[in-house]
Amino acid sequence: MVPGTRHFFWVLFKSTFLISAFTVGGGMVIIPLLKKKYVDEYGWINDKDTLDITAIAQSLPGVMAVNASIMLGYKMAGFMGTLVTILATVLPPLITITIIAFFYDLFAHNYYVQMLLKGMQCGATAVIIDVGLNLVYKLFKKKLLLPILIAAGTFIASLCFNVNPMYCVLVDAIIGLMLLRDPKYN
């Protein structure tokens, strides 16, 4: 598929729209969906691109899914790709929120809707855990001790000492800048 053609933009819109429609449970859920679609299925980007896009999108202000879609669209098709992915990312939640707002009382007090949302939270949690385990597995497979230590330290700081995730990301960025200059980490 040739970037810049109508067919490419349609596939980009459709796939991004579907990913956005099923990104339930927060921005981190988008990572495995992006990987499965754009790395594994289409081959448009690689694993490193996905991790870079995710890290930058999470570090920037705003909604992570929109930040990721901006970078993804631009990487694949420049400014027009950015417009396509932003529209495809924003439409599903806009449609959903509009419907929920219109029927708010019906949704807010409906037992089945509440159970549906609880089930979706469980699924989103499983997907996030899967992504984390896959990332750790890749670090162990490449025998990259320093990134493993950074990941473990960040996890412990967040879980055990309740350190603000923004501080963790900032410290990790500084460590990465100072210590991960070796080409084997790229």
N, C-alpha and C. Protein backbone atom coordinates (compact mmCIF):
# COMPACT_ATOMS: atom_id res chain seq x y z
N MET A 1 0.84 -1.17 0.00
CA MET A 1 0.00 0.00 0.00
C MET A 1 0.89 1.24 0.00
N VAL A 2 0.58 2.16 -0.85
CA VAL A 2 1.42 3.34 -1.03
C VAL A 2 0.89 4.49 -0.17
N PRO A 3 1.74 5.00 0.77
CA PRO A 3 1.32 6.15 1.56
C PRO A 3 1.01 7.34 0.66
N GLY A 4 -0.07 8.04 0.97
CA GLY A 4 -0.46 9.21 0.21
C GLY A 4 -1.58 8.95 -0.78
N THR A 5 -1.91 7.67 -1.03
CA THR A 5 -3.00 7.36 -1.94
C THR A 5 -4.33 7.35 -1.18
N ARG A 6 -5.41 7.47 -1.93
CA ARG A 6 -6.74 7.45 -1.29
C ARG A 6 -6.97 6.17 -0.51
N HIS A 7 -6.56 5.06 -1.11
CA HIS A 7 -6.76 3.77 -0.44
C HIS A 7 -5.98 3.72 0.87
N PHE A 8 -4.75 4.20 0.86
CA PHE A 8 -3.94 4.24 2.07
C PHE A 8 -4.63 5.06 3.15
N PHE A 9 -5.10 6.26 2.79
CA PHE A 9 -5.74 7.12 3.78
C PHE A 9 -7.03 6.49 4.31
N TRP A 10 -7.77 5.79 3.46
CA TRP A 10 -8.99 5.12 3.92
C TRP A 10 -8.64 4.01 4.92
N VAL A 11 -7.63 3.20 4.60
CA VAL A 11 -7.22 2.12 5.51
C VAL A 11 -6.69 2.71 6.81
N LEU A 12 -5.91 3.79 6.71
CA LEU A 12 -5.39 4.46 7.90
C LEU A 12 -6.54 4.99 8.76
N PHE A 13 -7.53 5.63 8.13
CA PHE A 13 -8.68 6.16 8.87
C PHE A 13 -9.46 5.02 9.53
N LYS A 14 -9.79 4.01 8.75
CA LYS A 14 -10.62 2.90 9.25
C LYS A 14 -9.93 2.17 10.41
N SER A 15 -8.65 1.85 10.24
CA SER A 15 -7.96 1.12 11.30
C SER A 15 -7.80 1.98 12.55
N THR A 16 -7.48 3.26 12.39
CA THR A 16 -7.33 4.15 13.55
C THR A 16 -8.68 4.36 14.23
N PHE A 17 -9.75 4.48 13.45
CA PHE A 17 -11.10 4.62 14.00
C PHE A 17 -11.45 3.42 14.87
N LEU A 18 -11.18 2.21 14.35
CA LEU A 18 -11.50 0.99 15.11
C LEU A 18 -10.64 0.88 16.37
N ILE A 19 -9.36 1.23 16.26
CA ILE A 19 -8.50 1.20 17.45
C ILE A 19 -9.03 2.17 18.49
N SER A 20 -9.40 3.36 18.07
CA SER A 20 -9.94 4.35 19.00
C SER A 20 -11.24 3.88 19.63
N ALA A 21 -12.07 3.22 18.84
CA ALA A 21 -13.35 2.74 19.34
C ALA A 21 -13.19 1.68 20.42
N PHE A 22 -12.07 0.94 20.37
CA PHE A 22 -11.87 -0.14 21.34
C PHE A 22 -10.79 0.17 22.37
N THR A 23 -10.35 1.41 22.44
CA THR A 23 -9.38 1.82 23.45
C THR A 23 -10.16 2.20 24.70
N VAL A 24 -10.56 1.19 25.44
CA VAL A 24 -11.34 1.38 26.65
C VAL A 24 -10.44 1.12 27.84
N GLY A 25 -10.39 2.06 28.77
CA GLY A 25 -9.61 1.84 29.99
C GLY A 25 -8.39 2.73 30.09
N GLY A 26 -8.26 3.69 29.22
CA GLY A 26 -7.15 4.63 29.29
C GLY A 26 -6.20 4.50 28.13
N GLY A 27 -5.29 5.43 28.05
CA GLY A 27 -4.38 5.54 26.92
C GLY A 27 -3.45 4.37 26.74
N MET A 28 -3.07 3.68 27.82
CA MET A 28 -2.11 2.58 27.70
C MET A 28 -2.67 1.41 26.89
N VAL A 29 -3.99 1.30 26.82
CA VAL A 29 -4.60 0.21 26.07
C VAL A 29 -4.31 0.36 24.57
N ILE A 30 -4.00 1.57 24.13
CA ILE A 30 -3.76 1.79 22.71
C ILE A 30 -2.47 1.11 22.24
N ILE A 31 -1.52 0.88 23.13
CA ILE A 31 -0.21 0.34 22.74
C ILE A 31 -0.33 -1.02 22.04
N PRO A 32 -0.96 -2.02 22.67
CA PRO A 32 -1.04 -3.31 21.97
C PRO A 32 -1.88 -3.25 20.71
N LEU A 33 -2.88 -2.38 20.69
CA LEU A 33 -3.71 -2.26 19.50
C LEU A 33 -2.92 -1.65 18.35
N LEU A 34 -2.13 -0.60 18.64
CA LEU A 34 -1.26 -0.01 17.62
C LEU A 34 -0.26 -1.04 17.10
N LYS A 35 0.34 -1.77 18.04
CA LYS A 35 1.35 -2.76 17.65
C LYS A 35 0.75 -3.84 16.76
N LYS A 36 -0.37 -4.39 17.16
CA LYS A 36 -0.98 -5.47 16.38
C LYS A 36 -1.37 -5.00 14.98
N LYS A 37 -1.88 -3.80 14.88
CA LYS A 37 -2.36 -3.31 13.59
C LYS A 37 -1.22 -2.80 12.70
N TYR A 38 -0.44 -1.86 13.22
CA TYR A 38 0.52 -1.14 12.37
C TYR A 38 1.89 -1.81 12.29
N VAL A 39 2.25 -2.63 13.28
CA VAL A 39 3.53 -3.34 13.23
C VAL A 39 3.30 -4.75 12.69
N ASP A 40 2.46 -5.52 13.37
CA ASP A 40 2.30 -6.93 13.02
C ASP A 40 1.50 -7.14 11.73
N GLU A 41 0.38 -6.44 11.58
CA GLU A 41 -0.49 -6.68 10.43
C GLU A 41 -0.04 -5.94 9.17
N TYR A 42 0.17 -4.62 9.28
CA TYR A 42 0.50 -3.82 8.09
C TYR A 42 2.00 -3.65 7.85
N GLY A 43 2.80 -3.72 8.91
CA GLY A 43 4.24 -3.51 8.77
C GLY A 43 4.61 -2.07 8.43
N TRP A 44 3.76 -1.12 8.77
CA TRP A 44 4.00 0.30 8.44
C TRP A 44 5.04 0.92 9.37
N ILE A 45 5.12 0.43 10.61
CA ILE A 45 6.11 0.90 11.57
C ILE A 45 6.70 -0.32 12.26
N ASN A 46 7.75 -0.12 13.05
CA ASN A 46 8.35 -1.25 13.76
C ASN A 46 8.13 -1.11 15.27
N ASP A 47 8.59 -2.11 16.03
CA ASP A 47 8.41 -2.11 17.49
C ASP A 47 9.03 -0.88 18.13
N LYS A 48 10.21 -0.49 17.67
CA LYS A 48 10.89 0.67 18.25
C LYS A 48 10.07 1.95 18.03
N ASP A 49 9.50 2.09 16.82
CA ASP A 49 8.64 3.25 16.54
C ASP A 49 7.45 3.29 17.50
N THR A 50 6.85 2.12 17.72
CA THR A 50 5.70 2.04 18.62
C THR A 50 6.08 2.48 20.03
N LEU A 51 7.22 2.00 20.51
CA LEU A 51 7.66 2.37 21.86
C LEU A 51 8.00 3.86 21.94
N ASP A 52 8.67 4.38 20.90
CA ASP A 52 9.00 5.81 20.88
C ASP A 52 7.75 6.67 20.87
N ILE A 53 6.80 6.32 20.01
CA ILE A 53 5.54 7.07 19.92
C ILE A 53 4.82 7.03 21.25
N THR A 54 4.77 5.86 21.87
CA THR A 54 4.08 5.71 23.16
C THR A 54 4.75 6.53 24.25
N ALA A 55 6.08 6.47 24.32
CA ALA A 55 6.80 7.21 25.35
C ALA A 55 6.59 8.71 25.20
N ILE A 56 6.68 9.20 23.98
CA ILE A 56 6.50 10.64 23.75
C ILE A 56 5.05 11.03 24.01
N ALA A 57 4.09 10.24 23.50
CA ALA A 57 2.67 10.56 23.68
C ALA A 57 2.28 10.60 25.15
N GLN A 58 2.85 9.70 25.94
CA GLN A 58 2.54 9.65 27.36
C GLN A 58 3.17 10.82 28.10
N SER A 59 4.30 11.30 27.62
CA SER A 59 5.02 12.38 28.29
C SER A 59 4.46 13.76 27.98
N LEU A 60 3.72 13.88 26.89
CA LEU A 60 3.18 15.18 26.48
C LEU A 60 1.86 15.46 27.18
N PRO A 61 1.52 16.73 27.33
CA PRO A 61 0.20 17.05 27.89
C PRO A 61 -0.89 16.65 26.90
N GLY A 62 -2.05 16.34 27.44
CA GLY A 62 -3.18 15.98 26.58
C GLY A 62 -3.48 14.51 26.64
N VAL A 63 -4.41 14.11 25.80
CA VAL A 63 -4.87 12.73 25.76
C VAL A 63 -3.84 11.88 25.02
N MET A 64 -3.41 10.80 25.66
CA MET A 64 -2.35 9.97 25.10
C MET A 64 -2.72 9.41 23.73
N ALA A 65 -3.94 8.96 23.56
CA ALA A 65 -4.36 8.38 22.27
C ALA A 65 -4.28 9.40 21.15
N VAL A 66 -4.67 10.63 21.43
CA VAL A 66 -4.61 11.68 20.40
C VAL A 66 -3.15 12.04 20.12
N ASN A 67 -2.34 12.17 21.16
CA ASN A 67 -0.92 12.45 20.96
C ASN A 67 -0.27 11.37 20.10
N ALA A 68 -0.57 10.11 20.42
CA ALA A 68 0.01 9.00 19.65
C ALA A 68 -0.48 9.03 18.20
N SER A 69 -1.75 9.33 18.01
CA SER A 69 -2.28 9.35 16.64
C SER A 69 -1.66 10.47 15.82
N ILE A 70 -1.39 11.61 16.45
CA ILE A 70 -0.74 12.72 15.74
C ILE A 70 0.64 12.27 15.25
N MET A 71 1.42 11.69 16.13
CA MET A 71 2.77 11.26 15.74
C MET A 71 2.74 10.12 14.73
N LEU A 72 1.83 9.18 14.94
CA LEU A 72 1.70 8.05 14.03
C LEU A 72 1.31 8.52 12.63
N GLY A 73 0.29 9.37 12.55
CA GLY A 73 -0.15 9.88 11.26
C GLY A 73 0.93 10.66 10.55
N TYR A 74 1.66 11.48 11.29
CA TYR A 74 2.72 12.28 10.69
C TYR A 74 3.86 11.39 10.20
N LYS A 75 4.20 10.39 10.99
CA LYS A 75 5.30 9.48 10.61
C LYS A 75 4.95 8.73 9.32
N MET A 76 3.70 8.34 9.18
CA MET A 76 3.32 7.52 8.03
C MET A 76 2.96 8.34 6.79
N ALA A 77 2.39 9.53 6.97
CA ALA A 77 1.90 10.26 5.79
C ALA A 77 1.93 11.77 5.95
N GLY A 78 2.79 12.29 6.79
CA GLY A 78 2.94 13.74 6.92
C GLY A 78 1.71 14.42 7.49
N PHE A 79 1.51 15.66 7.06
CA PHE A 79 0.42 16.48 7.59
C PHE A 79 -0.95 15.85 7.32
N MET A 80 -1.16 15.34 6.11
CA MET A 80 -2.46 14.75 5.76
C MET A 80 -2.72 13.50 6.62
N GLY A 81 -1.67 12.71 6.86
CA GLY A 81 -1.82 11.54 7.73
C GLY A 81 -2.20 11.95 9.15
N THR A 82 -1.63 13.08 9.60
CA THR A 82 -1.97 13.60 10.93
C THR A 82 -3.45 13.96 11.00
N LEU A 83 -3.95 14.65 9.99
CA LEU A 83 -5.38 15.04 9.98
C LEU A 83 -6.28 13.81 9.98
N VAL A 84 -5.92 12.82 9.19
CA VAL A 84 -6.72 11.59 9.10
C VAL A 84 -6.75 10.87 10.45
N THR A 85 -5.58 10.70 11.08
CA THR A 85 -5.54 9.96 12.35
C THR A 85 -6.18 10.73 13.49
N ILE A 86 -6.07 12.06 13.50
CA ILE A 86 -6.74 12.83 14.55
C ILE A 86 -8.25 12.67 14.43
N LEU A 87 -8.78 12.82 13.22
CA LEU A 87 -10.22 12.68 13.01
C LEU A 87 -10.68 11.27 13.41
N ALA A 88 -9.94 10.26 12.98
CA ALA A 88 -10.31 8.88 13.28
C ALA A 88 -10.20 8.56 14.77
N THR A 89 -9.30 9.24 15.48
CA THR A 89 -9.14 9.00 16.91
C THR A 89 -10.21 9.71 17.73
N VAL A 90 -10.61 10.89 17.30
CA VAL A 90 -11.54 11.71 18.08
C VAL A 90 -13.00 11.32 17.84
N LEU A 91 -13.34 10.85 16.65
CA LEU A 91 -14.74 10.54 16.33
C LEU A 91 -15.39 9.48 17.23
N PRO A 92 -14.78 8.31 17.46
CA PRO A 92 -15.46 7.31 18.30
C PRO A 92 -15.82 7.79 19.70
N PRO A 93 -14.88 8.42 20.45
CA PRO A 93 -15.31 8.90 21.77
C PRO A 93 -16.33 10.03 21.68
N LEU A 94 -16.23 10.87 20.66
CA LEU A 94 -17.20 11.95 20.48
C LEU A 94 -18.60 11.39 20.25
N ILE A 95 -18.70 10.40 19.40
CA ILE A 95 -19.99 9.76 19.13
C ILE A 95 -20.51 9.07 20.40
N THR A 96 -19.64 8.33 21.07
CA THR A 96 -20.03 7.61 22.28
C THR A 96 -20.50 8.56 23.38
N ILE A 97 -19.72 9.61 23.61
CA ILE A 97 -20.08 10.58 24.66
C ILE A 97 -21.38 11.30 24.33
N THR A 98 -21.60 11.59 23.08
CA THR A 98 -22.84 12.26 22.67
C THR A 98 -24.04 11.36 22.96
N ILE A 99 -23.93 10.08 22.63
CA ILE A 99 -25.02 9.14 22.88
C ILE A 99 -25.25 8.98 24.38
N ILE A 100 -24.16 8.82 25.14
CA ILE A 100 -24.29 8.65 26.59
C ILE A 100 -24.88 9.91 27.23
N ALA A 101 -24.46 11.08 26.78
CA ALA A 101 -25.02 12.33 27.34
C ALA A 101 -26.51 12.42 27.06
N PHE A 102 -26.92 12.01 25.88
CA PHE A 102 -28.34 12.07 25.52
C PHE A 102 -29.17 11.12 26.37
N PHE A 103 -28.61 9.94 26.67
CA PHE A 103 -29.33 8.94 27.46
C PHE A 103 -28.71 8.77 28.84
N TYR A 104 -28.17 9.82 29.42
CA TYR A 104 -27.39 9.72 30.66
C TYR A 104 -28.14 9.00 31.77
N ASP A 105 -29.35 9.40 32.05
CA ASP A 105 -30.09 8.77 33.16
C ASP A 105 -30.28 7.27 32.94
N LEU A 106 -30.52 6.89 31.72
CA LEU A 106 -30.69 5.47 31.41
C LEU A 106 -29.39 4.70 31.65
N PHE A 107 -28.25 5.28 31.24
CA PHE A 107 -26.96 4.60 31.40
C PHE A 107 -26.47 4.63 32.84
N ALA A 108 -26.63 5.73 33.52
CA ALA A 108 -26.04 5.91 34.85
C ALA A 108 -26.59 4.94 35.88
N HIS A 109 -27.82 4.54 35.73
CA HIS A 109 -28.46 3.71 36.74
C HIS A 109 -28.80 2.31 36.24
N ASN A 110 -28.28 1.95 35.08
CA ASN A 110 -28.57 0.65 34.51
C ASN A 110 -27.55 -0.38 35.00
N TYR A 111 -28.07 -1.41 35.65
CA TYR A 111 -27.23 -2.47 36.21
C TYR A 111 -26.38 -3.14 35.13
N TYR A 112 -26.96 -3.43 33.99
CA TYR A 112 -26.24 -4.13 32.92
C TYR A 112 -25.13 -3.28 32.31
N VAL A 113 -25.37 -2.00 32.19
CA VAL A 113 -24.33 -1.10 31.69
C VAL A 113 -23.18 -1.05 32.69
N GLN A 114 -23.48 -1.00 33.98
CA GLN A 114 -22.43 -0.99 35.00
C GLN A 114 -21.61 -2.27 34.96
N MET A 115 -22.27 -3.42 34.79
CA MET A 115 -21.54 -4.69 34.71
C MET A 115 -20.71 -4.76 33.42
N LEU A 116 -21.24 -4.24 32.33
CA LEU A 116 -20.51 -4.19 31.07
C LEU A 116 -19.22 -3.37 31.24
N LEU A 117 -19.33 -2.24 31.91
CA LEU A 117 -18.16 -1.39 32.13
C LEU A 117 -17.13 -2.07 33.03
N LYS A 118 -17.60 -2.79 34.05
CA LYS A 118 -16.66 -3.53 34.91
C LYS A 118 -15.92 -4.60 34.12
N GLY A 119 -16.63 -5.30 33.25
CA GLY A 119 -15.99 -6.30 32.41
C GLY A 119 -14.97 -5.68 31.47
N MET A 120 -15.27 -4.52 30.92
CA MET A 120 -14.35 -3.83 30.02
C MET A 120 -13.10 -3.39 30.78
N GLN A 121 -13.26 -2.98 32.03
CA GLN A 121 -12.10 -2.60 32.85
C GLN A 121 -11.18 -3.80 33.05
N CYS A 122 -11.76 -4.97 33.29
CA CYS A 122 -10.95 -6.18 33.47
C CYS A 122 -10.19 -6.51 32.19
N GLY A 123 -10.85 -6.40 31.06
CA GLY A 123 -10.19 -6.66 29.78
C GLY A 123 -9.07 -5.68 29.51
N ALA A 124 -9.30 -4.40 29.80
CA ALA A 124 -8.27 -3.38 29.59
C ALA A 124 -7.06 -3.65 30.48
N THR A 125 -7.31 -4.06 31.71
CA THR A 125 -6.22 -4.38 32.63
C THR A 125 -5.39 -5.54 32.09
N ALA A 126 -6.04 -6.56 31.58
CA ALA A 126 -5.33 -7.72 31.03
C ALA A 126 -4.47 -7.31 29.84
N VAL A 127 -4.99 -6.44 28.99
CA VAL A 127 -4.23 -5.99 27.81
C VAL A 127 -3.00 -5.20 28.24
N ILE A 128 -3.14 -4.33 29.23
CA ILE A 128 -2.00 -3.54 29.71
C ILE A 128 -0.94 -4.44 30.33
N ILE A 129 -1.36 -5.43 31.11
CA ILE A 129 -0.42 -6.38 31.70
C ILE A 129 0.32 -7.15 30.61
N ASP A 130 -0.41 -7.56 29.58
CA ASP A 130 0.20 -8.27 28.46
C ASP A 130 1.29 -7.43 27.80
N VAL A 131 1.03 -6.17 27.56
CA VAL A 131 2.02 -5.28 26.95
C VAL A 131 3.24 -5.16 27.85
N GLY A 132 3.02 -4.94 29.14
CA GLY A 132 4.14 -4.81 30.07
C GLY A 132 5.00 -6.05 30.11
N LEU A 133 4.37 -7.22 30.16
CA LEU A 133 5.14 -8.47 30.18
C LEU A 133 5.92 -8.69 28.88
N ASN A 134 5.31 -8.33 27.75
CA ASN A 134 6.01 -8.47 26.47
C ASN A 134 7.23 -7.55 26.40
N LEU A 135 7.10 -6.32 26.92
CA LEU A 135 8.22 -5.39 26.92
C LEU A 135 9.36 -5.90 27.82
N VAL A 136 9.00 -6.40 29.00
CA VAL A 136 10.01 -6.93 29.91
C VAL A 136 10.67 -8.17 29.29
N TYR A 137 9.89 -9.02 28.66
CA TYR A 137 10.44 -10.21 28.00
C TYR A 137 11.48 -9.82 26.95
N LYS A 138 11.17 -8.79 26.15
CA LYS A 138 12.10 -8.35 25.11
C LYS A 138 13.40 -7.81 25.71
N LEU A 139 13.29 -7.11 26.85
CA LEU A 139 14.49 -6.61 27.51
C LEU A 139 15.36 -7.77 28.00
N PHE A 140 14.72 -8.78 28.61
CA PHE A 140 15.46 -9.95 29.09
C PHE A 140 16.07 -10.72 27.92
N LYS A 141 15.32 -10.84 26.84
CA LYS A 141 15.78 -11.57 25.66
C LYS A 141 17.03 -10.91 25.07
N LYS A 142 17.06 -9.58 25.07
CA LYS A 142 18.22 -8.85 24.55
C LYS A 142 19.32 -8.70 25.60
N LYS A 143 19.04 -9.15 26.83
CA LYS A 143 20.00 -9.08 27.94
C LYS A 143 20.46 -7.64 28.21
N LEU A 144 19.49 -6.74 28.23
CA LEU A 144 19.78 -5.33 28.48
C LEU A 144 19.54 -5.03 29.95
N LEU A 145 20.59 -5.14 30.75
CA LEU A 145 20.49 -5.02 32.20
C LEU A 145 20.05 -3.63 32.65
N LEU A 146 20.63 -2.58 32.11
CA LEU A 146 20.30 -1.23 32.56
C LEU A 146 18.83 -0.88 32.33
N PRO A 147 18.26 -1.12 31.14
CA PRO A 147 16.82 -0.86 30.98
C PRO A 147 15.95 -1.70 31.92
N ILE A 148 16.38 -2.93 32.19
CA ILE A 148 15.63 -3.77 33.13
C ILE A 148 15.65 -3.14 34.52
N LEU A 149 16.81 -2.66 34.94
CA LEU A 149 16.93 -2.00 36.25
C LEU A 149 16.11 -0.71 36.30
N ILE A 150 16.13 0.06 35.22
CA ILE A 150 15.33 1.30 35.17
C ILE A 150 13.84 0.96 35.29
N ALA A 151 13.39 -0.03 34.54
CA ALA A 151 11.99 -0.44 34.59
C ALA A 151 11.60 -0.93 35.99
N ALA A 152 12.45 -1.76 36.57
CA ALA A 152 12.18 -2.29 37.92
C ALA A 152 12.16 -1.17 38.95
N GLY A 153 13.13 -0.26 38.86
CA GLY A 153 13.16 0.87 39.80
C GLY A 153 11.95 1.76 39.68
N THR A 154 11.52 2.00 38.45
CA THR A 154 10.33 2.83 38.23
C THR A 154 9.08 2.15 38.79
N PHE A 155 8.99 0.85 38.56
CA PHE A 155 7.85 0.09 39.07
C PHE A 155 7.80 0.13 40.59
N ILE A 156 8.94 -0.09 41.22
CA ILE A 156 9.01 -0.08 42.69
C ILE A 156 8.71 1.32 43.24
N ALA A 157 9.28 2.35 42.61
CA ALA A 157 9.03 3.72 43.06
C ALA A 157 7.55 4.06 42.99
N SER A 158 6.91 3.64 41.92
CA SER A 158 5.49 3.94 41.74
C SER A 158 4.61 3.11 42.68
N LEU A 159 4.86 1.82 42.72
CA LEU A 159 4.00 0.92 43.50
C LEU A 159 4.24 1.03 45.01
N CYS A 160 5.49 0.95 45.43
CA CYS A 160 5.81 0.88 46.86
C CYS A 160 5.91 2.25 47.54
N PHE A 161 6.40 3.23 46.80
CA PHE A 161 6.64 4.54 47.43
C PHE A 161 5.69 5.61 46.92
N ASN A 162 4.74 5.22 46.06
CA ASN A 162 3.71 6.12 45.56
C ASN A 162 4.29 7.40 44.94
N VAL A 163 5.41 7.25 44.21
CA VAL A 163 6.04 8.38 43.54
C VAL A 163 5.18 8.75 42.34
N ASN A 164 4.97 10.03 42.14
CA ASN A 164 4.17 10.54 41.03
C ASN A 164 4.75 10.03 39.71
N PRO A 165 3.91 9.46 38.82
CA PRO A 165 4.41 8.93 37.54
C PRO A 165 5.14 9.97 36.69
N MET A 166 4.77 11.22 36.80
CA MET A 166 5.46 12.27 36.04
C MET A 166 6.91 12.38 36.48
N TYR A 167 7.16 12.27 37.79
CA TYR A 167 8.53 12.31 38.28
C TYR A 167 9.31 11.09 37.81
N CYS A 168 8.64 9.94 37.81
CA CYS A 168 9.29 8.71 37.33
C CYS A 168 9.71 8.87 35.87
N VAL A 169 8.82 9.37 35.03
CA VAL A 169 9.13 9.55 33.61
C VAL A 169 10.27 10.55 33.44
N LEU A 170 10.25 11.62 34.22
CA LEU A 170 11.31 12.63 34.12
C LEU A 170 12.66 12.05 34.52
N VAL A 171 12.70 11.32 35.64
CA VAL A 171 13.95 10.70 36.09
C VAL A 171 14.42 9.67 35.06
N ASP A 172 13.48 8.86 34.53
CA ASP A 172 13.85 7.87 33.52
C ASP A 172 14.41 8.53 32.27
N ALA A 173 13.83 9.66 31.88
CA ALA A 173 14.34 10.38 30.70
C ALA A 173 15.77 10.87 30.94
N ILE A 174 16.03 11.38 32.12
CA ILE A 174 17.38 11.86 32.45
C ILE A 174 18.37 10.70 32.46
N ILE A 175 17.97 9.59 33.08
CA ILE A 175 18.82 8.40 33.10
C ILE A 175 19.09 7.93 31.67
N GLY A 176 18.05 7.90 30.86
CA GLY A 176 18.21 7.48 29.47
C GLY A 176 19.16 8.38 28.71
N LEU A 177 19.04 9.67 28.93
CA LEU A 177 19.91 10.64 28.26
C LEU A 177 21.36 10.46 28.69
N MET A 178 21.57 10.20 29.96
CA MET A 178 22.93 10.10 30.49
C MET A 178 23.58 8.73 30.26
N LEU A 179 22.81 7.65 30.39
CA LEU A 179 23.43 6.32 30.44
C LEU A 179 23.15 5.41 29.25
N LEU A 180 22.14 5.72 28.47
CA LEU A 180 21.78 4.78 27.40
C LEU A 180 22.27 5.24 26.03
N ARG A 181 23.47 5.78 25.99
CA ARG A 181 24.05 6.25 24.73
C ARG A 181 24.65 5.12 23.91
N ASP A 182 24.86 3.99 24.51
CA ASP A 182 25.45 2.84 23.83
C ASP A 182 24.53 2.39 22.67
N PRO A 183 25.09 2.15 21.49
CA PRO A 183 24.26 1.75 20.33
C PRO A 183 23.46 0.47 20.53
N LYS A 184 23.85 -0.40 21.45
CA LYS A 184 23.09 -1.64 21.65
C LYS A 184 21.70 -1.38 22.20
N TYR A 185 21.45 -0.20 22.77
CA TYR A 185 20.14 0.13 23.30
C TYR A 185 19.21 0.70 22.24
N ASN A 186 19.70 0.99 21.07
CA ASN A 186 18.89 1.60 20.01
C ASN A 186 18.35 0.57 19.05
